[in-house]
C-alpha atoms as a PDB file:
ATOM      1  CA  MET A   1      12.415  14.383-133.477  1.00  0.00           C
ATOM      2  CA  THR A   2      15.867  12.902-134.864  1.00  0.00           C
ATOM      3  CA  GLY A   3      17.298  12.229-138.396  1.00  0.00           C
ATOM      4  CA  PRO A   4      18.627   9.415-140.155  1.00  0.00           C
ATOM      5  CA  LYS A   5      20.882   7.518-137.974  1.00  0.00           C
ATOM      6  CA  PRO A   6      24.894   8.506-139.010  1.00  0.00           C
ATOM      7  CA  PRO A   7      27.300   5.625-139.522  1.00  0.00           C
ATOM      8  CA  ASP A   8      28.716   4.479-136.619  1.00  0.00           C
ATOM      9  CA  ALA A   9      32.549   5.335-136.018  1.00  0.00           C
ATOM     10  CA  PRO A  10      34.806   2.753-136.883  1.00  0.00           C
ATOM     11  CA  ARG A  11      35.991   0.300-134.389  1.00  0.00           C
ATOM     12  CA  SER A  12      39.738  -0.165-133.678  1.00  0.00           C
ATOM     13  CA  GLY A  13      41.262  -2.571-136.157  1.00  0.00           C
ATOM     14  CA  VAL A  14      38.532  -2.654-138.858  1.00  0.00           C
ATOM     15  CA  MET A  15      39.366  -1.959-142.062  1.00  0.00           C
ATOM     16  CA  THR A  16      38.711   1.769-143.190  1.00  0.00           C
ATOM     17  CA  TYR A  17      37.953   3.469-146.512  1.00  0.00           C
ATOM     18  CA  GLY A  18      41.479   4.858-146.365  1.00  0.00           C
ATOM     19  CA  ASP A  19      42.847   1.361-145.613  1.00  0.00           C
ATOM     20  CA  TYR A  20      41.231  -0.223-148.382  1.00  0.00           C
ATOM     21  CA  LEU A  21      42.416   2.393-150.938  1.00  0.00           C
ATOM     22  CA  LYS A  22      45.651   2.841-149.347  1.00  0.00           C
ATOM     23  CA  VAL A  23      45.163   6.639-149.422  1.00  0.00           C
ATOM     24  CA  PRO A  24      47.847   7.400-147.207  1.00  0.00           C
ATOM     25  CA  GLU A  25      50.276   5.540-149.720  1.00  0.00           C
ATOM     26  CA  LEU A  26      48.868   6.954-152.825  1.00  0.00           C
ATOM     27  CA  LEU A  27      48.975  10.640-151.432  1.00  0.00           C
ATOM     28  CA  ALA A  28      52.535   9.948-150.473  1.00  0.00           C
ATOM     29  CA  LEU A  29      53.734   9.604-154.193  1.00  0.00           C
ATOM     30  CA  GLN A  30      53.621  13.010-155.111  1.00  0.00           C
ATOM     31  CA  GLU A  31      57.069  14.717-154.815  1.00  0.00           C
ATOM     32  CA  PRO A  32      57.946  17.928-156.512  1.00  0.00           C
ATOM     33  CA  ARG A  33      61.587  17.719-157.516  1.00  0.00           C
ATOM     34  CA  SER A  34      61.725  21.696-157.608  1.00  0.00           C
ATOM     35  CA  SER A  35      63.209  23.304-154.514  1.00  0.00           C
ATOM     36  CA  PRO A  36      61.473  24.901-153.306  1.00  0.00           C
ATOM     37  CA  PRO A  37      58.613  23.193-154.780  1.00  0.00           C
ATOM     38  CA  HIS A  38      56.712  25.042-157.672  1.00  0.00           C
ATOM     39  CA  HIS A  39      52.897  25.562-156.806  1.00  0.00           C
ATOM     40  CA  ASP A  40      52.154  23.914-160.185  1.00  0.00           C
ATOM     41  CA  GLU A  41      54.288  20.986-160.273  1.00  0.00           C
ATOM     42  CA  LEU A  42      51.989  19.351-157.870  1.00  0.00           C
ATOM     43  CA  LEU A  43      48.986  19.889-160.717  1.00  0.00           C
ATOM     44  CA  PHE A  44      51.670  18.435-163.295  1.00  0.00           C
ATOM     45  CA  ILE A  45      52.431  15.349-161.204  1.00  0.00           C
ATOM     46  CA  VAL A  46      48.793  14.550-160.077  1.00  0.00           C
ATOM     47  CA  ILE A  47      47.438  14.625-163.754  1.00  0.00           C
ATOM     48  CA  HIS A  48      50.030  12.346-165.028  1.00  0.00           C
ATOM     49  CA  GLN A  49      49.622   9.774-161.981  1.00  0.00           C
ATOM     50  CA  ALA A  50      46.138   9.813-162.771  1.00  0.00           C
ATOM     51  CA  TYR A  51      46.629   9.124-166.300  1.00  0.00           C
ATOM     52  CA  GLU A  52      48.799   6.081-165.272  1.00  0.00           C
ATOM     53  CA  LEU A  53      45.882   4.961-163.079  1.00  0.00           C
ATOM     54  CA  TRP A  54      43.578   5.091-166.013  1.00  0.00           C
ATOM     55  CA  PHE A  55      45.750   3.531-168.264  1.00  0.00           C
ATOM     56  CA  LYS A  56      45.910   0.509-165.816  1.00  0.00           C
ATOM     57  CA  LEU A  57      42.021   0.201-166.273  1.00  0.00           C
ATOM     58  CA  ILE A  58      42.379   0.477-170.027  1.00  0.00           C
ATOM     59  CA  LEU A  59      44.662  -2.285-170.231  1.00  0.00           C
ATOM     60  CA  HIS A  60      42.395  -4.466-167.759  1.00  0.00           C
ATOM     61  CA  GLU A  61      39.360  -3.763-169.868  1.00  0.00           C
ATOM     62  CA  ILE A  62      40.899  -4.242-173.336  1.00  0.00           C
ATOM     63  CA  GLU A  63      42.159  -7.713-171.785  1.00  0.00           C
ATOM     64  CA  ASN A  64      38.675  -8.593-170.748  1.00  0.00           C
ATOM     65  CA  ALA A  65      37.268  -7.399-174.215  1.00  0.00           C
ATOM     66  CA  ILE A  66      39.961  -9.690-175.917  1.00  0.00           C
ATOM     67  CA  ARG A  67      38.788 -12.772-173.559  1.00  0.00           C
ATOM     68  CA  TYR A  68      35.142 -12.251-174.519  1.00  0.00           C
ATOM     69  CA  MET A  69      35.857 -12.107-178.188  1.00  0.00           C
ATOM     70  CA  ASN A  70      37.933 -15.174-178.042  1.00  0.00           C
ATOM     71  CA  ASP A  71      34.985 -16.883-176.042  1.00  0.00           C
ATOM     72  CA  ASP A  72      32.341 -15.313-178.695  1.00  0.00           C
ATOM     73  CA  ARG A  73      30.458 -13.576-176.088  1.00  0.00           C
ATOM     74  CA  VAL A  74      30.335 -10.441-178.229  1.00  0.00           C
ATOM     75  CA  LEU A  75      28.039  -8.194-176.193  1.00  0.00           C
ATOM     76  CA  ARG A  76      30.362  -8.469-173.192  1.00  0.00           C
ATOM     77  CA  ALA A  77      33.419  -7.455-175.284  1.00  0.00           C
ATOM     78  CA  HIS A  78      31.188  -4.435-176.358  1.00  0.00           C
ATOM     79  CA  HIS A  79      30.355  -3.556-173.050  1.00  0.00           C
ATOM     80  CA  PHE A  80      34.067  -3.437-171.898  1.00  0.00           C
ATOM     81  CA  MET A  81      35.180  -1.533-175.051  1.00  0.00           C
ATOM     82  CA  ARG A  82      32.557   0.927-174.347  1.00  0.00           C
ATOM     83  CA  ARG A  83      33.721   1.381-170.845  1.00  0.00           C
ATOM     84  CA  VAL A  84      37.192   2.113-172.356  1.00  0.00           C
ATOM     85  CA  ALA A  85      35.816   4.615-174.432  1.00  0.00           C
ATOM     86  CA  LYS A  86      34.106   6.228-171.480  1.00  0.00           C
ATOM     87  CA  ILE A  87      37.418   6.301-169.801  1.00  0.00           C
ATOM     88  CA  GLN A  88      39.207   7.887-172.505  1.00  0.00           C
ATOM     89  CA  ALA A  89      36.555  10.845-172.860  1.00  0.00           C
ATOM     90  CA  VAL A  90      37.526  11.311-169.109  1.00  0.00           C
ATOM     91  CA  LEU A  91      41.112  11.799-170.551  1.00  0.00           C
ATOM     92  CA  LEU A  92      40.278  14.359-173.261  1.00  0.00           C
ATOM     93  CA  GLU A  93      38.923  16.458-170.504  1.00  0.00           C
ATOM     94  CA  GLN A  94      41.522  15.694-167.891  1.00  0.00           C
ATOM     95  CA  ILE A  95      44.350  16.993-170.409  1.00  0.00           C
ATOM     96  CA  HIS A  96      43.150  20.555-170.529  1.00  0.00           C
ATOM     97  CA  ILE A  97      43.423  21.106-167.004  1.00  0.00           C
ATOM     98  CA  LEU A  98      47.103  21.719-167.674  1.00  0.00           C
ATOM     99  CA  GLU A  99      46.338  24.247-169.777  1.00  0.00           C
ATOM    100  CA  THR A 100      45.377  26.440-166.295  1.00  0.00           C
ATOM    101  CA  MET A 101      49.514  26.512-165.825  1.00  0.00           C
ATOM    102  CA  SER A 102      50.842  29.721-167.485  1.00  0.00           C
ATOM    103  CA  PRO A 103      53.792  28.944-169.854  1.00  0.00           C
ATOM    104  CA  ALA A 104      56.156  30.890-167.809  1.00  0.00           C
ATOM    105  CA  GLU A 105      55.141  28.938-164.783  1.00  0.00           C
ATOM    106  CA  PHE A 106      55.793  25.552-166.111  1.00  0.00           C
ATOM    107  CA  ALA A 107      59.039  26.771-167.616  1.00  0.00           C
ATOM    108  CA  GLU A 108      60.056  27.629-163.885  1.00  0.00           C
ATOM    109  CA  PHE A 109      60.093  23.724-163.019  1.00  0.00           C
ATOM    110  CA  ARG A 110      60.078  21.987-166.547  1.00  0.00           C
ATOM    111  CA  ASP A 111      63.941  21.607-166.501  1.00  0.00           C
ATOM    112  CA  ASN A 112      63.295  19.149-163.728  1.00  0.00           C
ATOM    113  CA  LEU A 113      61.921  16.635-166.030  1.00  0.00           C
ATOM    114  CA  ARG A 114      64.829  16.314-168.253  1.00  0.00           C
ATOM    115  CA  PRO A 115      65.614  13.833-169.372  1.00  0.00           C
ATOM    116  CA  ALA A 116      62.270  12.091-168.549  1.00  0.00           C
ATOM    117  CA  SER A 117      59.307  12.066-171.236  1.00  0.00           C
ATOM    118  CA  GLY A 118      55.743  10.760-172.055  1.00  0.00           C
ATOM    119  CA  PHE A 119      57.425   8.720-174.621  1.00  0.00           C
ATOM    120  CA  GLN A 120      58.416   6.716-171.348  1.00  0.00           C
ATOM    121  CA  SER A 121      54.764   5.923-170.568  1.00  0.00           C
ATOM    122  CA  ALA A 122      55.039   2.145-170.871  1.00  0.00           C
ATOM    123  CA  GLN A 123      51.333   1.612-170.284  1.00  0.00           C
ATOM    124  CA  PHE A 124      50.617   3.828-173.196  1.00  0.00           C
ATOM    125  CA  ARG A 125      52.675   1.975-175.323  1.00  0.00           C
ATOM    126  CA  GLU A 126      50.820  -1.261-174.130  1.00  0.00           C
ATOM    127  CA  ILE A 127      47.576   0.243-174.974  1.00  0.00           C
ATOM    128  CA  GLU A 128      48.789   1.016-178.549  1.00  0.00           C
ATOM    129  CA  PHE A 129      50.538  -2.352-178.808  1.00  0.00           C
ATOM    130  CA  LEU A 130      47.383  -4.095-177.579  1.00  0.00           C
ATOM    131  CA  ALA A 131      45.270  -2.293-179.547  1.00  0.00           C
ATOM    132  CA  GLY A 132      47.383  -3.364-182.973  1.00  0.00           C
ATOM    133  CA  VAL A 133      49.448  -0.161-183.212  1.00  0.00           C
ATOM    134  CA  ARG A 134      53.094  -1.294-183.018  1.00  0.00           C
ATOM    135  CA  ASP A 135      56.117   0.069-183.495  1.00  0.00           C
ATOM    136  CA  GLU A 136      59.096  -1.737-182.076  1.00  0.00           C
ATOM    137  CA  ALA A 137      61.131   1.662-182.344  1.00  0.00           C
ATOM    138  CA  TYR A 138      59.531   2.419-179.170  1.00  0.00           C
ATOM    139  CA  LEU A 139      61.286   0.021-177.229  1.00  0.00           C
ATOM    140  CA  ARG A 140      64.236   1.990-177.147  1.00  0.00           C
ATOM    141  CA  PHE A 141      62.928   4.316-174.385  1.00  0.00           C
ATOM    142  CA  PHE A 142      62.834   1.277-172.324  1.00  0.00           C
ATOM    143  CA  GLN A 143      66.258  -0.076-172.860  1.00  0.00           C
ATOM    144  CA  ASP A 144      67.452   0.460-169.160  1.00  0.00           C
ATOM    145  CA  ARG A 145      64.081  -0.532-167.564  1.00  0.00           C
ATOM    146  CA  PRO A 146      64.675  -4.526-167.644  1.00  0.00           C
ATOM    147  CA  GLU A 147      61.254  -4.446-165.173  1.00  0.00           C
ATOM    148  CA  VAL A 148      59.447  -2.974-168.220  1.00  0.00           C
ATOM    149  CA  LEU A 149      61.038  -4.503-171.564  1.00  0.00           C
ATOM    150  CA  PRO A 150      59.883  -7.911-171.552  1.00  0.00           C
ATOM    151  CA  ARG A 151      55.955  -6.759-170.656  1.00  0.00           C
ATOM    152  CA  LEU A 152      56.197  -4.644-173.633  1.00  0.00           C
ATOM    153  CA  ARG A 153      57.785  -7.379-175.766  1.00  0.00           C
ATOM    154  CA  ARG A 154      55.053  -9.731-174.940  1.00  0.00           C
ATOM    155  CA  ARG A 155      52.430  -7.000-175.770  1.00  0.00           C
ATOM    156  CA  LEU A 156      54.084  -6.901-179.393  1.00  0.00           C
ATOM    157  CA  ALA A 157      53.880 -10.595-179.424  1.00  0.00           C
ATOM    158  CA  GLU A 158      50.491 -11.349-178.164  1.00  0.00           C
ATOM    159  CA  PRO A 159      47.095 -11.101-180.269  1.00  0.00           C
ATOM    160  CA  SER A 160      45.907  -7.432-180.114  1.00  0.00           C
ATOM    161  CA  VAL A 161      42.275  -6.351-179.946  1.00  0.00           C
ATOM    162  CA  TRP A 162      41.920  -6.300-183.994  1.00  0.00           C
ATOM    163  CA  ASP A 163      43.527  -9.948-184.047  1.00  0.00           C
ATOM    164  CA  ALA A 164      40.806 -11.157-181.803  1.00  0.00           C
ATOM    165  CA  PHE A 165      37.934  -9.202-183.523  1.00  0.00           C
ATOM    166  CA  ALA A 166      39.394 -10.449-186.923  1.00  0.00           C
ATOM    167  CA  ALA A 167      39.291 -14.093-185.834  1.00  0.00           C
ATOM    168  CA  LEU A 168      35.539 -13.529-184.164  1.00  0.00           C
ATOM    169  CA  ILE A 169      34.329 -12.478-187.992  1.00  0.00           C
ATOM    170  CA  ALA A 170      36.283 -15.298-189.729  1.00  0.00           C
ATOM    171  CA  ARG A 171      34.485 -17.706-187.297  1.00  0.00           C
ATOM    172  CA  ARG A 172      31.047 -16.238-188.192  1.00  0.00           C
ATOM    173  CA  PHE A 173      31.694 -15.551-191.767  1.00  0.00           C
ATOM    174  CA  PRO A 174      34.005 -18.517-193.017  1.00  0.00           C
ATOM    175  CA  ASP A 175      33.355 -17.941-196.624  1.00  0.00           C
ATOM    176  CA  GLN A 176      33.828 -14.417-197.007  1.00  0.00           C
ATOM    177  CA  PRO A 177      36.620 -12.431-197.093  1.00  0.00           C
ATOM    178  CA  GLN A 178      37.130  -9.769-193.954  1.00  0.00           C
ATOM    179  CA  GLU A 179      36.072  -6.675-196.185  1.00  0.00           C
ATOM    180  CA  ALA A 180      32.825  -8.361-197.535  1.00  0.00           C
ATOM    181  CA  ALA A 181      32.020  -9.502-194.170  1.00  0.00           C
ATOM    182  CA  LEU A 182      32.657  -6.199-192.803  1.00  0.00           C
ATOM    183  CA  ARG A 183      30.706  -4.424-195.171  1.00  0.00           C
ATOM    184  CA  HIS A 184      27.596  -6.886-194.662  1.00  0.00           C
ATOM    185  CA  ILE A 185      27.733  -6.360-190.841  1.00  0.00           C
ATOM    186  CA  TYR A 186      27.549  -2.398-191.593  1.00  0.00           C
ATOM    187  CA  GLU A 187      24.819  -2.823-194.564  1.00  0.00           C
ATOM    188  CA  CYS A 188      22.731  -5.453-192.525  1.00  0.00           C
ATOM    189  CA  HIS A 189      23.430  -4.185-189.173  1.00  0.00           C
ATOM    190  CA  GLN A 190      19.928  -5.020-187.601  1.00  0.00           C
ATOM    191  CA  ASP A 191      20.749  -8.890-188.668  1.00  0.00           C
ATOM    192  CA  HIS A 192      24.101  -8.869-187.178  1.00  0.00           C
ATOM    193  CA  LEU A 193      23.634  -6.293-184.319  1.00  0.00           C
ATOM    194  CA  GLU A 194      25.999  -7.522-181.618  1.00  0.00           C
ATOM    195  CA  LEU A 195      28.854  -7.483-184.198  1.00  0.00           C
ATOM    196  CA  TYR A 196      27.982  -4.171-185.208  1.00  0.00           C
ATOM    197  CA  LEU A 197      27.724  -2.828-181.955  1.00  0.00           C
ATOM    198  CA  LEU A 198      31.391  -4.118-181.051  1.00  0.00           C
ATOM    199  CA  ALA A 199      32.949  -2.550-184.274  1.00  0.00           C
ATOM    200  CA  GLU A 200      31.293   0.770-183.459  1.00  0.00           C
ATOM    201  CA  SER A 201      32.763   0.258-179.986  1.00  0.00           C
ATOM    202  CA  LEU A 202      36.170  -0.497-181.256  1.00  0.00           C
ATOM    203  CA  ILE A 203      35.776   2.732-183.511  1.00  0.00           C
ATOM    204  CA  ASP A 204      34.792   4.760-180.527  1.00  0.00           C
ATOM    205  CA  PHE A 205      38.293   3.466-178.969  1.00  0.00           C
ATOM    206  CA  ASP A 206      40.241   4.273-182.013  1.00  0.00           C
ATOM    207  CA  GLU A 207      38.668   7.783-182.501  1.00  0.00           C
ATOM    208  CA  HIS A 208      39.162   8.664-178.777  1.00  0.00           C
ATOM    209  CA  LEU A 209      42.918   7.623-179.150  1.00  0.00           C
ATOM    210  CA  SER A 210      43.118   9.941-181.841  1.00  0.00           C
ATOM    211  CA  LEU A 211      41.216  12.772-180.605  1.00  0.00           C
ATOM    212  CA  TRP A 212      43.644  12.290-177.376  1.00  0.00           C
ATOM    213  CA  ARG A 213      46.524  12.624-179.565  1.00  0.00           C
ATOM    214  CA  TYR A 214      45.098  15.572-181.092  1.00  0.00           C
ATOM    215  CA  HIS A 215      44.329  17.128-177.527  1.00  0.00           C
ATOM    216  CA  HIS A 216      47.673  16.459-176.549  1.00  0.00           C
ATOM    217  CA  VAL A 217      49.399  18.303-179.349  1.00  0.00           C
ATOM    218  CA  ARG A 218      47.411  21.342-178.925  1.00  0.00           C
ATOM    219  CA  VAL A 219      48.036  21.615-174.934  1.00  0.00           C
ATOM    220  CA  VAL A 220      51.716  20.976-175.515  1.00  0.00           C
ATOM    221  CA  GLU A 221      52.018  23.571-178.131  1.00  0.00           C
ATOM    222  CA  ARG A 222      49.753  26.048-175.721  1.00  0.00           C
ATOM    223  CA  VAL A 223      52.326  25.335-172.786  1.00  0.00           C
ATOM    224  CA  ILE A 224      55.527  25.273-174.493  1.00  0.00           C
ATOM    225  CA  GLY A 225      55.085  26.309-178.057  1.00  0.00           C
ATOM    226  CA  LEU A 226      57.733  24.626-180.336  1.00  0.00           C
ATOM    227  CA  LYS A 227      60.435  23.853-177.992  1.00  0.00           C
ATOM    228  CA  PRO A 228      61.832  20.601-178.030  1.00  0.00           C
ATOM    229  CA  GLY A 229      60.376  17.825-175.769  1.00  0.00           C
ATOM    230  CA  THR A 230      62.219  17.003-172.608  1.00  0.00           C
ATOM    231  CA  GLY A 231      63.440  13.662-173.888  1.00  0.00           C
ATOM    232  CA  GLY A 232      64.991  14.788-176.891  1.00  0.00           C
ATOM    233  CA  SER A 233      62.414  14.574-179.566  1.00  0.00           C
ATOM    234  CA  ALA A 234      61.007  17.474-181.695  1.00  0.00           C
ATOM    235  CA  GLY A 235      58.186  18.142-179.271  1.00  0.00           C
ATOM    236  CA  VAL A 236      54.795  19.505-181.061  1.00  0.00           C
ATOM    237  CA  ALA A 237      56.505  18.986-184.686  1.00  0.00           C
ATOM    238  CA  TYR A 238      56.709  15.164-183.785  1.00  0.00           C
ATOM    239  CA  LEU A 239      53.739  14.807-182.027  1.00  0.00           C
ATOM    240  CA  ARG A 240      51.950  16.250-185.185  1.00  0.00           C
ATOM    241  CA  THR A 241      52.812  13.182-187.212  1.00  0.00           C
ATOM    242  CA  THR A 242      50.949  10.642-184.614  1.00  0.00           C
ATOM    243  CA  VAL A 243      47.669  12.383-184.780  1.00  0.00           C
ATOM    244  CA  ASP A 244      46.438  10.115-187.965  1.00  0.00           C
ATOM    245  CA  LYS A 245      47.631   6.747-186.632  1.00  0.00           C
ATOM    246  CA  LYS A 246      44.758   4.387-186.669  1.00  0.00           C
ATOM    247  CA  ALA A 247      44.239   0.818-184.946  1.00  0.00           C
ATOM    248  CA  PHE A 248      41.462  -0.298-187.051  1.00  0.00           C
ATOM    249  CA  PRO A 249      41.817   0.938-190.521  1.00  0.00           C
ATOM    250  CA  ALA A 250      39.552  -1.735-191.976  1.00  0.00           C
ATOM    251  CA  LEU A 251      36.668  -0.469-189.949  1.00  0.00           C
ATOM    252  CA  TRP A 252      37.435   3.057-191.322  1.00  0.00           C
ATOM    253  CA  ASP A 253      37.611   2.018-194.844  1.00  0.00           C
ATOM    254  CA  VAL A 254      34.311  -0.060-194.958  1.00  0.00           C
ATOM    255  CA  ARG A 255      32.439   3.170-194.794  1.00  0.00           C
ATOM    256  CA  ALA A 256      33.673   4.253-198.157  1.00  0.00           C
ATOM    257  CA  HIS A 257      31.939   1.410-199.816  1.00  0.00           C
ATOM    258  CA  LEU A 258      28.506   1.396-198.114  1.00  0.00           C
ATOM    259  CA  GLY A 259      25.893   1.868-200.591  1.00  0.00           C
ATOM    260  CA  THR A 260      28.115   1.373-203.723  1.00  0.00           C
ATOM    261  CA  THR A 261      27.907  -1.645-206.111  1.00  0.00           C
ATOM    262  CA  ASP A 262      30.876  -3.876-206.927  1.00  0.00           C
ATOM    263  CA  TYR A 263      30.820  -4.806-210.302  1.00  0.00           C
ATOM    264  CA  GLY A 264      33.852  -7.243-210.093  1.00  0.00           C
ATOM    265  CA  ASP A 265      36.282  -5.304-212.114  1.00  0.00           C
ATOM    266  CA  GLY A 266      37.977  -3.786-208.999  1.00  0.00           C
ATOM    267  CA  ALA A 267      35.854  -0.661-209.002  1.00  0.00           C
ATOM    268  CA  THR A 268      32.649   0.498-207.134  1.00  0.00           C
ATOM    269  CA  ARG A 269      29.952   2.762-208.977  1.00  0.00           C
END
């Protein structure tokens, strides 16, 4: 008696798993700079390369969400923003793998990073810019990268996720100010469920972005303490100032007004 038939061996010239995913090329991209290669440098490189792959997918999904908002396909936009939040949850877990390096071991190869820095992650800046967290000052980190700078300038100029969402709300509630429309969506969420779900998926994204910054600060402090960053920043001291950035402050602010009565004098009671 035999079990289920196993897959056939691939025929010569037929696409394989490795061919489709370009596995040989992918595995050739990890090149430690320490000599001899430090054991943990491979970990450091793999973690950050994996981040860049996830960032690429996040940008792809946010672009999709914006297109669907522009087309008034609210649930599809919600679907892709929820996917982004799921990816962000993976990133939160992933960063703590770095804590398996001891501070002393990281110090043995950290100087090989100089003057490179996480500030130079163009894709992370694209995510921030596309979310509406826009600070042109970060462009200075890419002045010598002519292949990157135009892309970042385009992200600064194009409509953000918030721009697309705000335009959607304006189309649905043409006679109401944005603040009143958002409050109505939240207070009557059963009547505007699609918009409410999309708003909450944007909050999920924003919350995960803030949590990632917070976890990043904690991991960096645990591994290098209060040393300056490899790119010349103040390190942890600077990173702490980024934790409370918000992409969608109006969606956070609306919560403070729920369940209150506006008496028309600028106050709520």
